[in-house]
Amino acid sequence: MYCNLKSYQSLQLRTLNPYRASLVFSEYLLSGQAPSIREVNYEEPLFPTVPFFNLKSGDKLEDQLFVLSSEAKDAAAEIESRLQLGSKLSDVVNSREDALALFNLYRNEGYILTEHKGRFCVVLKESSSPQDMLKSLFQVNYLYWLERNAGIEASNASTDCRPEGRLQISLDYVQREFNHANIDSESVGWLTDGLIARPLPNRIRLGYVGS
């Protein structure tokens, strides 16, 4: 069993699941640098519910590589706990006004992101791809950054979708910076063609929501 555990710990996964992507994106937002594959894999717990198996090995990784900041680690853990991929629109939107505002804001995206009861809820359109899910997670990370570093917290969806609103600010940033973040991540070896995740099965059709 010990040998199997050590072999798992030696794996260097280049794909991005929600936790690894949040480590990468959070550090990128904080320092402008994408962390290496090795240090992100080093930080990811293999068995989140069994702390004993997540003890770090004795090698001094922190002496060899740029170390992920504690802020990025905290952000990734909290984002993962608050993230809901594949939310049902009717569960997270309280009014027709909110729905129309969200639909208009995200009209050119493959997803709709809003906050509901403290959770980051990503509603996936029928055409959503793994790349859309990765883009939505980059926006989630920026929303978290706005919350923690600029004190901009969620209001209601229609307000947050207005110019200078929280969702509008974050989407505008994502549309400008997502490709740059991907390029920087690819330069250190990450595969950025999409998010590896198991979202809830809910999807929306444009015709249905617009009616």
N, C-alpha and C. Protein backbone atom coordinates (compact mmCIF):
# COMPACT_ATOMS: atom_id res chain seq x y z
N MET A 1 0.83 -1.20 0.00
CA MET A 1 0.00 0.00 0.00
C MET A 1 0.88 1.26 0.00
N TYR A 2 1.97 1.21 0.80
CA TYR A 2 2.88 2.35 0.86
C TYR A 2 3.49 2.62 -0.52
N CYS A 3 3.88 1.55 -1.21
CA CYS A 3 4.46 1.70 -2.54
C CYS A 3 3.46 2.31 -3.52
N ASN A 4 2.19 1.87 -3.42
CA ASN A 4 1.16 2.44 -4.29
C ASN A 4 0.98 3.93 -4.01
N LEU A 5 0.99 4.29 -2.72
CA LEU A 5 0.83 5.69 -2.34
C LEU A 5 1.97 6.53 -2.90
N LYS A 6 3.21 6.01 -2.78
CA LYS A 6 4.36 6.75 -3.29
C LYS A 6 4.29 6.90 -4.81
N SER A 7 3.76 5.87 -5.48
CA SER A 7 3.65 5.97 -6.94
C SER A 7 2.62 7.02 -7.33
N TYR A 8 1.51 7.09 -6.56
CA TYR A 8 0.52 8.14 -6.81
C TYR A 8 1.14 9.52 -6.60
N GLN A 9 1.93 9.66 -5.52
CA GLN A 9 2.52 10.95 -5.20
C GLN A 9 3.52 11.39 -6.26
N SER A 10 4.08 10.44 -7.02
CA SER A 10 5.07 10.79 -8.04
C SER A 10 4.43 11.21 -9.36
N LEU A 11 3.12 11.05 -9.49
CA LEU A 11 2.44 11.43 -10.72
C LEU A 11 2.51 12.95 -10.91
N GLN A 12 2.70 13.36 -12.15
CA GLN A 12 2.71 14.78 -12.48
C GLN A 12 1.59 15.03 -13.49
N LEU A 13 0.40 15.33 -12.98
CA LEU A 13 -0.78 15.51 -13.83
C LEU A 13 -0.75 16.89 -14.47
N ARG A 14 -0.92 16.91 -15.79
CA ARG A 14 -0.85 18.17 -16.54
C ARG A 14 -2.24 18.73 -16.85
N THR A 15 -3.27 17.91 -16.64
CA THR A 15 -4.64 18.37 -16.89
C THR A 15 -5.12 19.22 -15.73
N LEU A 16 -6.18 19.99 -15.96
CA LEU A 16 -6.71 20.91 -14.96
C LEU A 16 -8.09 20.47 -14.50
N ASN A 17 -8.17 20.02 -13.26
CA ASN A 17 -9.46 19.80 -12.61
C ASN A 17 -9.79 21.08 -11.83
N PRO A 18 -10.96 21.19 -11.20
CA PRO A 18 -11.30 22.44 -10.51
C PRO A 18 -10.27 22.88 -9.47
N TYR A 19 -9.71 21.94 -8.71
CA TYR A 19 -8.75 22.34 -7.67
C TYR A 19 -7.43 22.80 -8.29
N ARG A 20 -6.88 22.02 -9.21
CA ARG A 20 -5.62 22.41 -9.84
C ARG A 20 -5.78 23.70 -10.62
N ALA A 21 -6.87 23.84 -11.34
CA ALA A 21 -7.10 25.07 -12.10
C ALA A 21 -7.20 26.28 -11.18
N SER A 22 -7.83 26.10 -10.03
CA SER A 22 -7.96 27.22 -9.09
C SER A 22 -6.62 27.59 -8.47
N LEU A 23 -5.76 26.60 -8.23
CA LEU A 23 -4.40 26.91 -7.77
C LEU A 23 -3.65 27.72 -8.83
N VAL A 24 -3.74 27.26 -10.07
CA VAL A 24 -3.04 27.94 -11.16
C VAL A 24 -3.59 29.35 -11.36
N PHE A 25 -4.90 29.48 -11.47
CA PHE A 25 -5.50 30.79 -11.74
C PHE A 25 -5.36 31.74 -10.56
N SER A 26 -5.51 31.24 -9.34
CA SER A 26 -5.37 32.11 -8.17
C SER A 26 -3.97 32.68 -8.08
N GLU A 27 -2.97 31.84 -8.30
CA GLU A 27 -1.59 32.34 -8.26
C GLU A 27 -1.33 33.31 -9.41
N TYR A 28 -1.90 33.02 -10.57
CA TYR A 28 -1.75 33.92 -11.71
C TYR A 28 -2.33 35.30 -11.39
N LEU A 29 -3.49 35.34 -10.75
CA LEU A 29 -4.12 36.61 -10.41
C LEU A 29 -3.34 37.35 -9.33
N LEU A 30 -2.71 36.62 -8.43
CA LEU A 30 -1.99 37.24 -7.33
C LEU A 30 -0.60 37.72 -7.72
N SER A 31 0.09 36.94 -8.53
CA SER A 31 1.49 37.25 -8.82
C SER A 31 1.79 37.48 -10.29
N GLY A 32 0.84 37.14 -11.17
CA GLY A 32 1.10 37.25 -12.59
C GLY A 32 1.88 36.08 -13.16
N GLN A 33 2.08 35.03 -12.35
CA GLN A 33 2.84 33.86 -12.78
C GLN A 33 1.99 32.60 -12.66
N ALA A 34 2.14 31.72 -13.63
CA ALA A 34 1.48 30.42 -13.56
C ALA A 34 2.43 29.45 -12.85
N PRO A 35 1.98 28.79 -11.79
CA PRO A 35 2.85 27.86 -11.06
C PRO A 35 3.13 26.60 -11.86
N SER A 36 4.21 25.95 -11.51
CA SER A 36 4.64 24.77 -12.25
C SER A 36 3.74 23.57 -11.96
N ILE A 37 3.79 22.60 -12.86
CA ILE A 37 3.05 21.36 -12.68
C ILE A 37 3.46 20.66 -11.40
N ARG A 38 4.76 20.64 -11.13
CA ARG A 38 5.25 19.90 -9.97
C ARG A 38 4.73 20.47 -8.66
N GLU A 39 4.78 21.80 -8.51
CA GLU A 39 4.36 22.36 -7.22
C GLU A 39 2.85 22.26 -7.02
N VAL A 40 2.06 22.37 -8.12
CA VAL A 40 0.62 22.23 -7.98
C VAL A 40 0.26 20.79 -7.61
N ASN A 41 0.89 19.82 -8.28
CA ASN A 41 0.65 18.42 -7.94
C ASN A 41 1.07 18.11 -6.52
N TYR A 42 2.15 18.75 -6.07
CA TYR A 42 2.64 18.56 -4.71
C TYR A 42 1.61 19.02 -3.68
N GLU A 43 0.87 20.09 -4.00
CA GLU A 43 -0.09 20.66 -3.06
C GLU A 43 -1.44 19.95 -3.07
N GLU A 44 -1.79 19.31 -4.18
CA GLU A 44 -3.14 18.72 -4.27
C GLU A 44 -3.24 17.47 -3.40
N PRO A 45 -4.21 17.41 -2.49
CA PRO A 45 -4.38 16.20 -1.68
C PRO A 45 -4.89 15.04 -2.53
N LEU A 46 -4.28 13.89 -2.38
CA LEU A 46 -4.72 12.71 -3.12
C LEU A 46 -6.05 12.20 -2.60
N PHE A 47 -6.22 12.25 -1.26
CA PHE A 47 -7.44 11.75 -0.62
C PHE A 47 -7.94 12.82 0.34
N PRO A 48 -8.74 13.77 -0.16
CA PRO A 48 -9.16 14.91 0.67
C PRO A 48 -9.83 14.51 1.97
N THR A 49 -10.52 13.38 2.01
CA THR A 49 -11.25 12.99 3.22
C THR A 49 -10.42 12.14 4.17
N VAL A 50 -9.18 11.81 3.78
CA VAL A 50 -8.31 10.99 4.63
C VAL A 50 -6.98 11.72 4.79
N PRO A 51 -6.88 12.67 5.74
CA PRO A 51 -5.69 13.51 5.87
C PRO A 51 -4.39 12.72 6.04
N PHE A 52 -4.46 11.53 6.65
CA PHE A 52 -3.24 10.75 6.89
C PHE A 52 -2.48 10.48 5.60
N PHE A 53 -3.21 10.22 4.51
CA PHE A 53 -2.57 9.88 3.25
C PHE A 53 -2.08 11.11 2.49
N ASN A 54 -2.34 12.30 3.04
CA ASN A 54 -1.96 13.51 2.33
C ASN A 54 -0.71 14.15 2.91
N LEU A 55 0.00 13.44 3.80
CA LEU A 55 1.23 13.97 4.36
C LEU A 55 2.27 14.13 3.26
N LYS A 56 2.95 15.27 3.24
CA LYS A 56 3.95 15.53 2.22
C LYS A 56 5.19 14.68 2.48
N SER A 57 5.86 14.29 1.42
CA SER A 57 7.09 13.53 1.55
C SER A 57 8.20 14.44 2.05
N GLY A 58 9.35 13.85 2.37
CA GLY A 58 10.42 14.61 3.01
C GLY A 58 11.23 15.49 2.08
N ASP A 59 11.00 15.44 0.77
CA ASP A 59 11.81 16.27 -0.11
C ASP A 59 11.45 17.73 0.08
N LYS A 60 12.45 18.60 0.04
CA LYS A 60 12.25 20.01 0.30
C LYS A 60 11.88 20.73 -0.99
N LEU A 61 10.64 20.52 -1.43
CA LEU A 61 10.21 21.14 -2.68
C LEU A 61 10.29 22.65 -2.58
N GLU A 62 9.96 23.18 -1.39
CA GLU A 62 9.95 24.62 -1.24
C GLU A 62 11.34 25.23 -1.41
N ASP A 63 12.39 24.42 -1.27
CA ASP A 63 13.75 24.92 -1.47
C ASP A 63 14.17 24.87 -2.93
N GLN A 64 13.37 24.19 -3.76
CA GLN A 64 13.77 23.97 -5.14
C GLN A 64 12.97 24.81 -6.13
N LEU A 65 11.74 25.16 -5.79
CA LEU A 65 10.86 25.80 -6.75
C LEU A 65 10.19 27.03 -6.16
N PHE A 66 9.69 27.86 -7.05
CA PHE A 66 8.81 28.94 -6.63
C PHE A 66 7.61 28.34 -5.92
N VAL A 67 7.32 28.77 -4.73
CA VAL A 67 6.28 28.15 -3.92
C VAL A 67 4.96 28.88 -4.09
N LEU A 68 3.92 28.13 -4.25
CA LEU A 68 2.59 28.71 -4.28
C LEU A 68 2.33 29.51 -3.01
N SER A 69 1.71 30.66 -3.15
CA SER A 69 1.42 31.49 -1.99
C SER A 69 0.32 30.85 -1.15
N SER A 70 0.33 31.17 0.13
CA SER A 70 -0.72 30.66 1.02
C SER A 70 -2.08 31.20 0.60
N GLU A 71 -2.10 32.43 0.04
CA GLU A 71 -3.37 33.01 -0.42
C GLU A 71 -3.96 32.19 -1.57
N ALA A 72 -3.10 31.74 -2.48
CA ALA A 72 -3.59 30.93 -3.60
C ALA A 72 -4.11 29.58 -3.12
N LYS A 73 -3.43 28.99 -2.16
CA LYS A 73 -3.86 27.71 -1.61
C LYS A 73 -5.21 27.86 -0.92
N ASP A 74 -5.36 28.92 -0.12
CA ASP A 74 -6.63 29.15 0.58
C ASP A 74 -7.76 29.41 -0.43
N ALA A 75 -7.44 30.17 -1.47
CA ALA A 75 -8.45 30.49 -2.48
C ALA A 75 -8.92 29.22 -3.19
N ALA A 76 -7.99 28.36 -3.58
CA ALA A 76 -8.35 27.13 -4.30
C ALA A 76 -9.24 26.24 -3.45
N ALA A 77 -8.90 26.11 -2.16
CA ALA A 77 -9.70 25.26 -1.28
C ALA A 77 -11.11 25.80 -1.11
N GLU A 78 -11.22 27.13 -0.94
CA GLU A 78 -12.56 27.71 -0.74
C GLU A 78 -13.37 27.69 -2.03
N ILE A 79 -12.73 27.99 -3.14
CA ILE A 79 -13.44 27.97 -4.41
C ILE A 79 -13.99 26.58 -4.70
N GLU A 80 -13.18 25.56 -4.47
CA GLU A 80 -13.64 24.20 -4.73
C GLU A 80 -14.85 23.86 -3.87
N SER A 81 -14.88 24.34 -2.63
CA SER A 81 -15.99 24.03 -1.73
C SER A 81 -17.25 24.81 -2.09
N ARG A 82 -17.09 25.95 -2.77
CA ARG A 82 -18.24 26.81 -3.11
C ARG A 82 -18.71 26.64 -4.55
N LEU A 83 -17.97 25.89 -5.35
CA LEU A 83 -18.26 25.77 -6.78
C LEU A 83 -19.35 24.74 -7.05
N GLN A 84 -20.28 25.11 -7.92
CA GLN A 84 -21.28 24.16 -8.40
C GLN A 84 -21.35 24.27 -9.92
N LEU A 85 -20.82 23.27 -10.61
CA LEU A 85 -20.85 23.23 -12.07
C LEU A 85 -22.09 22.50 -12.53
N GLY A 86 -22.83 23.10 -13.45
CA GLY A 86 -24.04 22.47 -13.96
C GLY A 86 -25.26 22.79 -13.14
N SER A 87 -25.28 23.98 -12.54
CA SER A 87 -26.44 24.40 -11.74
C SER A 87 -27.70 24.51 -12.61
N LYS A 88 -28.82 24.33 -11.97
CA LYS A 88 -30.12 24.49 -12.65
C LYS A 88 -30.53 25.95 -12.55
N LEU A 89 -30.82 26.58 -13.68
CA LEU A 89 -31.11 28.00 -13.71
C LEU A 89 -32.22 28.39 -12.74
N SER A 90 -33.27 27.62 -12.71
CA SER A 90 -34.41 27.97 -11.85
C SER A 90 -34.08 27.87 -10.37
N ASP A 91 -32.99 27.18 -10.03
CA ASP A 91 -32.60 27.06 -8.62
C ASP A 91 -31.78 28.24 -8.13
N VAL A 92 -31.20 28.98 -9.07
CA VAL A 92 -30.26 30.04 -8.66
C VAL A 92 -30.70 31.44 -9.08
N VAL A 93 -31.80 31.54 -9.82
CA VAL A 93 -32.31 32.84 -10.26
C VAL A 93 -33.67 33.08 -9.62
N ASN A 94 -33.83 34.27 -9.04
CA ASN A 94 -35.03 34.55 -8.25
C ASN A 94 -36.10 35.33 -9.00
N SER A 95 -35.78 35.92 -10.14
CA SER A 95 -36.77 36.74 -10.83
C SER A 95 -36.50 36.75 -12.33
N ARG A 96 -37.52 37.14 -13.07
CA ARG A 96 -37.37 37.25 -14.52
C ARG A 96 -36.35 38.32 -14.86
N GLU A 97 -36.31 39.41 -14.09
CA GLU A 97 -35.35 40.48 -14.32
C GLU A 97 -33.91 39.96 -14.20
N ASP A 98 -33.67 39.15 -13.17
CA ASP A 98 -32.34 38.58 -12.99
C ASP A 98 -31.98 37.65 -14.14
N ALA A 99 -32.95 36.82 -14.56
CA ALA A 99 -32.70 35.87 -15.64
C ALA A 99 -32.35 36.60 -16.93
N LEU A 100 -33.11 37.64 -17.27
CA LEU A 100 -32.86 38.38 -18.50
C LEU A 100 -31.51 39.10 -18.45
N ALA A 101 -31.16 39.64 -17.28
CA ALA A 101 -29.88 40.33 -17.14
C ALA A 101 -28.72 39.36 -17.32
N LEU A 102 -28.82 38.18 -16.73
CA LEU A 102 -27.78 37.18 -16.87
C LEU A 102 -27.68 36.69 -18.32
N PHE A 103 -28.83 36.49 -18.91
CA PHE A 103 -28.84 35.98 -20.28
C PHE A 103 -28.22 36.98 -21.24
N ASN A 104 -28.50 38.25 -21.01
CA ASN A 104 -27.92 39.28 -21.87
C ASN A 104 -26.41 39.39 -21.66
N LEU A 105 -25.98 39.37 -20.41
CA LEU A 105 -24.54 39.50 -20.12
C LEU A 105 -23.74 38.36 -20.74
N TYR A 106 -24.27 37.15 -20.65
CA TYR A 106 -23.53 35.96 -21.11
C TYR A 106 -23.98 35.47 -22.49
N ARG A 107 -24.54 36.38 -23.27
CA ARG A 107 -25.12 35.97 -24.56
C ARG A 107 -24.07 35.36 -25.50
N ASN A 108 -22.81 35.77 -25.35
CA ASN A 108 -21.76 35.25 -26.24
C ASN A 108 -20.89 34.19 -25.58
N GLU A 109 -21.30 33.71 -24.41
CA GLU A 109 -20.53 32.70 -23.69
C GLU A 109 -21.26 31.36 -23.66
N GLY A 110 -20.53 30.31 -23.37
CA GLY A 110 -21.14 28.99 -23.30
C GLY A 110 -21.64 28.63 -21.92
N TYR A 111 -21.68 29.60 -21.04
CA TYR A 111 -22.10 29.38 -19.65
C TYR A 111 -22.71 30.66 -19.09
N ILE A 112 -23.35 30.52 -17.95
CA ILE A 112 -23.84 31.65 -17.17
C ILE A 112 -23.34 31.46 -15.74
N LEU A 113 -22.69 32.46 -15.20
CA LEU A 113 -22.17 32.38 -13.83
C LEU A 113 -22.86 33.41 -12.95
N THR A 114 -23.32 32.97 -11.81
CA THR A 114 -23.88 33.88 -10.82
C THR A 114 -23.57 33.31 -9.44
N GLU A 115 -23.92 34.05 -8.42
CA GLU A 115 -23.74 33.58 -7.05
C GLU A 115 -25.11 33.41 -6.40
N HIS A 116 -25.23 32.35 -5.61
CA HIS A 116 -26.49 32.07 -4.94
C HIS A 116 -26.20 31.44 -3.58
N LYS A 117 -26.60 32.13 -2.54
CA LYS A 117 -26.39 31.64 -1.17
C LYS A 117 -24.93 31.29 -0.91
N GLY A 118 -24.04 32.17 -1.39
CA GLY A 118 -22.62 32.01 -1.14
C GLY A 118 -21.90 31.04 -2.06
N ARG A 119 -22.61 30.45 -2.99
CA ARG A 119 -21.99 29.49 -3.89
C ARG A 119 -21.78 30.12 -5.28
N PHE A 120 -20.71 29.69 -5.94
CA PHE A 120 -20.45 30.08 -7.32
C PHE A 120 -21.17 29.07 -8.21
N CYS A 121 -22.25 29.51 -8.84
CA CYS A 121 -23.11 28.60 -9.60
C CYS A 121 -22.90 28.83 -11.10
N VAL A 122 -22.44 27.78 -11.78
CA VAL A 122 -22.19 27.85 -13.21
C VAL A 122 -23.30 27.08 -13.92
N VAL A 123 -24.13 27.81 -14.65
CA VAL A 123 -25.18 27.21 -15.46
C VAL A 123 -24.61 26.97 -16.85
N LEU A 124 -24.65 25.76 -17.31
CA LEU A 124 -24.06 25.40 -18.59
C LEU A 124 -25.10 25.41 -19.71
N LYS A 125 -24.74 26.06 -20.80
CA LYS A 125 -25.61 26.03 -21.96
C LYS A 125 -25.45 24.69 -22.68
N GLU A 126 -26.41 24.40 -23.53
CA GLU A 126 -26.40 23.12 -24.24
C GLU A 126 -25.13 22.95 -25.07
N SER A 127 -24.57 24.07 -25.53
CA SER A 127 -23.38 24.03 -26.37
C SER A 127 -22.08 24.09 -25.57
N SER A 128 -22.16 24.08 -24.25
CA SER A 128 -20.97 24.25 -23.41
C SER A 128 -19.93 23.17 -23.67
N SER A 129 -18.68 23.59 -23.69
CA SER A 129 -17.55 22.68 -23.90
C SER A 129 -16.66 22.69 -22.66
N PRO A 130 -15.71 21.74 -22.56
CA PRO A 130 -14.74 21.79 -21.45
C PRO A 130 -13.98 23.11 -21.40
N GLN A 131 -13.73 23.74 -22.56
CA GLN A 131 -13.06 25.04 -22.58
C GLN A 131 -13.94 26.12 -21.94
N ASP A 132 -15.25 26.04 -22.20
CA ASP A 132 -16.18 26.98 -21.56
C ASP A 132 -16.16 26.81 -20.04
N MET A 133 -16.10 25.56 -19.58
CA MET A 133 -16.06 25.33 -18.13
C MET A 133 -14.77 25.87 -17.53
N LEU A 134 -13.65 25.73 -18.25
CA LEU A 134 -12.39 26.29 -17.75
C LEU A 134 -12.46 27.81 -17.69
N LYS A 135 -13.07 28.41 -18.70
CA LYS A 135 -13.24 29.87 -18.73
C LYS A 135 -14.12 30.32 -17.58
N SER A 136 -15.18 29.58 -17.31
CA SER A 136 -16.07 29.95 -16.19
C SER A 136 -15.31 29.88 -14.87
N LEU A 137 -14.41 28.92 -14.73
CA LEU A 137 -13.65 28.81 -13.49
C LEU A 137 -12.65 29.95 -13.35
N PHE A 138 -12.09 30.42 -14.45
CA PHE A 138 -11.24 31.61 -14.40
C PHE A 138 -12.03 32.81 -13.89
N GLN A 139 -13.28 32.94 -14.35
CA GLN A 139 -14.12 34.02 -13.85
C GLN A 139 -14.45 33.84 -12.38
N VAL A 140 -14.71 32.60 -11.96
CA VAL A 140 -14.95 32.33 -10.54
C VAL A 140 -13.76 32.80 -9.70
N ASN A 141 -12.55 32.49 -10.17
CA ASN A 141 -11.35 32.89 -9.44
C ASN A 141 -11.23 34.40 -9.36
N TYR A 142 -11.61 35.10 -10.42
CA TYR A 142 -11.54 36.55 -10.38
C TYR A 142 -12.63 37.13 -9.47
N LEU A 143 -13.82 36.51 -9.47
CA LEU A 143 -14.86 36.95 -8.54
C LEU A 143 -14.38 36.81 -7.09
N TYR A 144 -13.73 35.69 -6.81
CA TYR A 144 -13.18 35.49 -5.47
C TYR A 144 -12.12 36.55 -5.15
N TRP A 145 -11.28 36.88 -6.14
CA TRP A 145 -10.26 37.91 -5.96
C TRP A 145 -10.92 39.26 -5.65
N LEU A 146 -11.98 39.61 -6.38
CA LEU A 146 -12.70 40.86 -6.12
C LEU A 146 -13.27 40.88 -4.71
N GLU A 147 -13.79 39.75 -4.29
CA GLU A 147 -14.40 39.63 -2.96
C GLU A 147 -13.36 39.85 -1.86
N ARG A 148 -12.21 39.19 -1.99
CA ARG A 148 -11.20 39.22 -0.95
C ARG A 148 -10.28 40.42 -1.00
N ASN A 149 -10.00 40.93 -2.18
CA ASN A 149 -8.99 41.98 -2.31
C ASN A 149 -9.56 43.36 -2.62
N ALA A 150 -10.77 43.42 -3.15
CA ALA A 150 -11.38 44.71 -3.45
C ALA A 150 -12.65 44.96 -2.64
N GLY A 151 -13.08 43.99 -1.86
CA GLY A 151 -14.26 44.15 -1.03
C GLY A 151 -15.55 44.26 -1.82
N ILE A 152 -15.55 43.77 -3.06
CA ILE A 152 -16.75 43.83 -3.91
C ILE A 152 -17.50 42.52 -3.76
N GLU A 153 -18.59 42.55 -3.04
CA GLU A 153 -19.36 41.34 -2.76
C GLU A 153 -20.62 41.27 -3.61
N ALA A 154 -21.22 40.11 -3.65
CA ALA A 154 -22.39 39.88 -4.49
C ALA A 154 -23.60 40.65 -3.98
N SER A 155 -24.38 41.14 -4.94
CA SER A 155 -25.68 41.76 -4.65
C SER A 155 -26.73 40.84 -5.26
N ASN A 156 -27.65 41.38 -6.05
CA ASN A 156 -28.54 40.52 -6.83
C ASN A 156 -28.04 40.48 -8.26
N ALA A 157 -28.49 39.50 -9.00
CA ALA A 157 -27.94 39.27 -10.33
C ALA A 157 -28.13 40.46 -11.27
N SER A 158 -29.31 41.05 -11.27
CA SER A 158 -29.55 42.15 -12.20
C SER A 158 -28.65 43.34 -11.89
N THR A 159 -28.40 43.61 -10.61
CA THR A 159 -27.48 44.69 -10.22
C THR A 159 -26.05 44.35 -10.59
N ASP A 160 -25.65 43.11 -10.35
CA ASP A 160 -24.28 42.70 -10.62
C ASP A 160 -23.98 42.63 -12.11
N CYS A 161 -25.02 42.56 -12.96
CA CYS A 161 -24.82 42.51 -14.41
C CYS A 161 -24.71 43.88 -15.05
N ARG A 162 -25.03 44.93 -14.28
CA ARG A 162 -24.98 46.29 -14.84
C ARG A 162 -23.53 46.75 -15.00
N PRO A 163 -23.31 47.80 -15.82
CA PRO A 163 -21.97 48.37 -15.91
C PRO A 163 -21.42 48.69 -14.53
N GLU A 164 -20.18 48.31 -14.28
CA GLU A 164 -19.51 48.44 -12.99
C GLU A 164 -20.04 47.48 -11.94
N GLY A 165 -20.94 46.59 -12.34
CA GLY A 165 -21.40 45.55 -11.42
C GLY A 165 -20.38 44.43 -11.36
N ARG A 166 -20.47 43.64 -10.33
CA ARG A 166 -19.48 42.60 -10.04
C ARG A 166 -19.35 41.56 -11.18
N LEU A 167 -20.47 41.09 -11.69
CA LEU A 167 -20.42 40.10 -12.76
C LEU A 167 -19.93 40.72 -14.06
N GLN A 168 -20.36 41.95 -14.32
CA GLN A 168 -19.92 42.62 -15.55
C GLN A 168 -18.42 42.90 -15.51
N ILE A 169 -17.91 43.37 -14.37
CA ILE A 169 -16.48 43.65 -14.22
C ILE A 169 -15.66 42.38 -14.43
N SER A 170 -16.11 41.31 -13.80
CA SER A 170 -15.34 40.06 -13.87
C SER A 170 -15.38 39.46 -15.27
N LEU A 171 -16.52 39.51 -15.94
CA LEU A 171 -16.60 38.96 -17.30
C LEU A 171 -15.75 39.78 -18.26
N ASP A 172 -15.76 41.09 -18.10
CA ASP A 172 -14.93 41.94 -18.95
C ASP A 172 -13.45 41.59 -18.77
N TYR A 173 -13.04 41.35 -17.54
CA TYR A 173 -11.66 40.96 -17.28
C TYR A 173 -11.34 39.61 -17.92
N VAL A 174 -12.25 38.67 -17.78
CA VAL A 174 -12.04 37.33 -18.34
C VAL A 174 -11.91 37.39 -19.86
N GLN A 175 -12.76 38.17 -20.51
CA GLN A 175 -12.70 38.27 -21.96
C GLN A 175 -11.39 38.86 -22.45
N ARG A 176 -10.75 39.69 -21.61
CA ARG A 176 -9.46 40.29 -21.98
C ARG A 176 -8.28 39.41 -21.60
N GLU A 177 -8.37 38.66 -20.50
CA GLU A 177 -7.19 38.03 -19.93
C GLU A 177 -7.16 36.50 -20.00
N PHE A 178 -8.28 35.85 -20.29
CA PHE A 178 -8.32 34.39 -20.25
C PHE A 178 -7.29 33.76 -21.19
N ASN A 179 -7.20 34.27 -22.41
CA ASN A 179 -6.24 33.70 -23.35
C ASN A 179 -4.81 33.89 -22.88
N HIS A 180 -4.52 35.04 -22.27
CA HIS A 180 -3.17 35.28 -21.74
C HIS A 180 -2.85 34.30 -20.62
N ALA A 181 -3.83 34.07 -19.74
CA ALA A 181 -3.63 33.12 -18.64
C ALA A 181 -3.38 31.71 -19.19
N ASN A 182 -4.10 31.35 -20.23
CA ASN A 182 -3.90 30.03 -20.85
C ASN A 182 -2.51 29.91 -21.46
N ILE A 183 -2.09 30.95 -22.16
CA ILE A 183 -0.77 30.92 -22.80
C ILE A 183 0.34 30.79 -21.75
N ASP A 184 0.22 31.56 -20.67
CA ASP A 184 1.22 31.49 -19.60
C ASP A 184 1.20 30.11 -18.94
N SER A 185 0.01 29.54 -18.78
CA SER A 185 -0.09 28.20 -18.18
C SER A 185 0.50 27.14 -19.10
N GLU A 186 0.22 27.26 -20.38
CA GLU A 186 0.79 26.32 -21.35
C GLU A 186 2.32 26.40 -21.38
N SER A 187 2.87 27.58 -21.15
CA SER A 187 4.32 27.77 -21.21
C SER A 187 5.06 26.99 -20.12
N VAL A 188 4.35 26.64 -19.03
CA VAL A 188 4.98 25.82 -17.99
C VAL A 188 4.47 24.38 -18.03
N GLY A 189 3.74 24.03 -19.10
CA GLY A 189 3.39 22.64 -19.33
C GLY A 189 1.96 22.23 -19.12
N TRP A 190 1.08 23.14 -18.67
CA TRP A 190 -0.31 22.76 -18.42
C TRP A 190 -1.07 22.56 -19.72
N LEU A 191 -2.00 21.59 -19.69
CA LEU A 191 -2.92 21.38 -20.81
C LEU A 191 -4.16 22.23 -20.56
N THR A 192 -4.40 23.20 -21.41
CA THR A 192 -5.47 24.17 -21.17
C THR A 192 -6.61 24.06 -22.17
N ASP A 193 -6.76 22.87 -22.77
CA ASP A 193 -7.83 22.72 -23.76
C ASP A 193 -9.20 22.57 -23.12
N GLY A 194 -9.26 22.41 -21.80
CA GLY A 194 -10.55 22.32 -21.14
C GLY A 194 -10.41 21.86 -19.70
N LEU A 195 -11.50 21.99 -18.96
CA LEU A 195 -11.55 21.58 -17.57
C LEU A 195 -11.96 20.11 -17.47
N ILE A 196 -11.24 19.35 -16.66
CA ILE A 196 -11.60 17.97 -16.38
C ILE A 196 -12.51 17.97 -15.15
N ALA A 197 -13.78 17.72 -15.36
CA ALA A 197 -14.75 17.81 -14.27
C ALA A 197 -15.97 16.97 -14.58
N ARG A 198 -16.76 16.74 -13.55
CA ARG A 198 -18.03 16.03 -13.70
C ARG A 198 -19.16 16.96 -13.25
N PRO A 199 -19.60 17.84 -14.14
CA PRO A 199 -20.67 18.77 -13.76
C PRO A 199 -22.00 18.05 -13.60
N LEU A 200 -22.90 18.70 -12.91
CA LEU A 200 -24.27 18.21 -12.84
C LEU A 200 -24.83 18.18 -14.27
N PRO A 201 -25.83 17.33 -14.53
CA PRO A 201 -26.27 17.12 -15.92
C PRO A 201 -27.17 18.21 -16.49
N ASN A 202 -27.51 19.23 -15.72
CA ASN A 202 -28.43 20.26 -16.19
C ASN A 202 -27.81 21.10 -17.31
N ARG A 203 -28.59 21.38 -18.36
CA ARG A 203 -28.18 22.26 -19.45
C ARG A 203 -29.38 23.12 -19.83
N ILE A 204 -29.11 24.28 -20.41
CA ILE A 204 -30.21 25.13 -20.85
C ILE A 204 -30.11 25.36 -22.35
N ARG A 205 -31.28 25.54 -22.96
CA ARG A 205 -31.37 25.88 -24.38
C ARG A 205 -31.75 27.35 -24.49
N LEU A 206 -31.14 28.03 -25.44
CA LEU A 206 -31.40 29.45 -25.60
C LEU A 206 -32.86 29.75 -25.86
N GLY A 207 -33.50 28.98 -26.72
CA GLY A 207 -34.90 29.22 -27.03
C GLY A 207 -35.79 29.09 -25.83
N TYR A 208 -35.47 28.12 -24.95
CA TYR A 208 -36.31 27.88 -23.77
C TYR A 208 -36.18 29.02 -22.77
N VAL A 209 -34.94 29.48 -22.53
CA VAL A 209 -34.73 30.53 -21.54
C VAL A 209 -35.30 31.85 -22.02
N GLY A 210 -35.23 32.09 -23.32
CA GLY A 210 -35.71 33.36 -23.83
C GLY A 210 -37.21 33.46 -23.85
N SER A 211 -37.93 32.36 -23.67
CA SER A 211 -39.39 32.42 -23.77
C SER A 211 -40.01 32.87 -22.47
